[in-house]
Amino acid sequence: MSISLSDAARTRVQSFLELDPAALGLRFGVSRSGCSGWGYKVEVAHEAREGDVMFEDGGVRIYVDAASLPQVDGTRIDYAQQGLNAQFTFDNPNVTGGCGCGSSFTTDALPAL
């Protein structure tokens, strides 16, 4: 089991964490969203929650709730910037399909949320 960050994503996350002294790391997971079922949630983690699985990549802690883990296990998070647009991108080996607009995805993992 793992979640990893590209160098660009790690640098971007570290810049957010440096601005927030109460931050423990990154919280990563999924929620029901869009026409395909799942959307990513990425936010600053301020506490470890019961059932969280914690990964560490280059000094950045990544907290994933147990219900999201089957959907995101093995994901590599990247950060891409094109012109004025910048966003996190996700290379998730569990994705089996997605919606036409790219805002949600499906996996073969059993839905736990």
Foldseek 3Di string as FASTA:
>chain_A
DDEAEDPQRVVVQVVVCVVPVQFPAKEWFWDQDDDAGIAIDIDTDNDADPQWDWDDYPRGIYTYHNQGCVVAPPKYWYWDDDPPDIDIDIDGPQFPADDPVRGGTDGPDDHDD
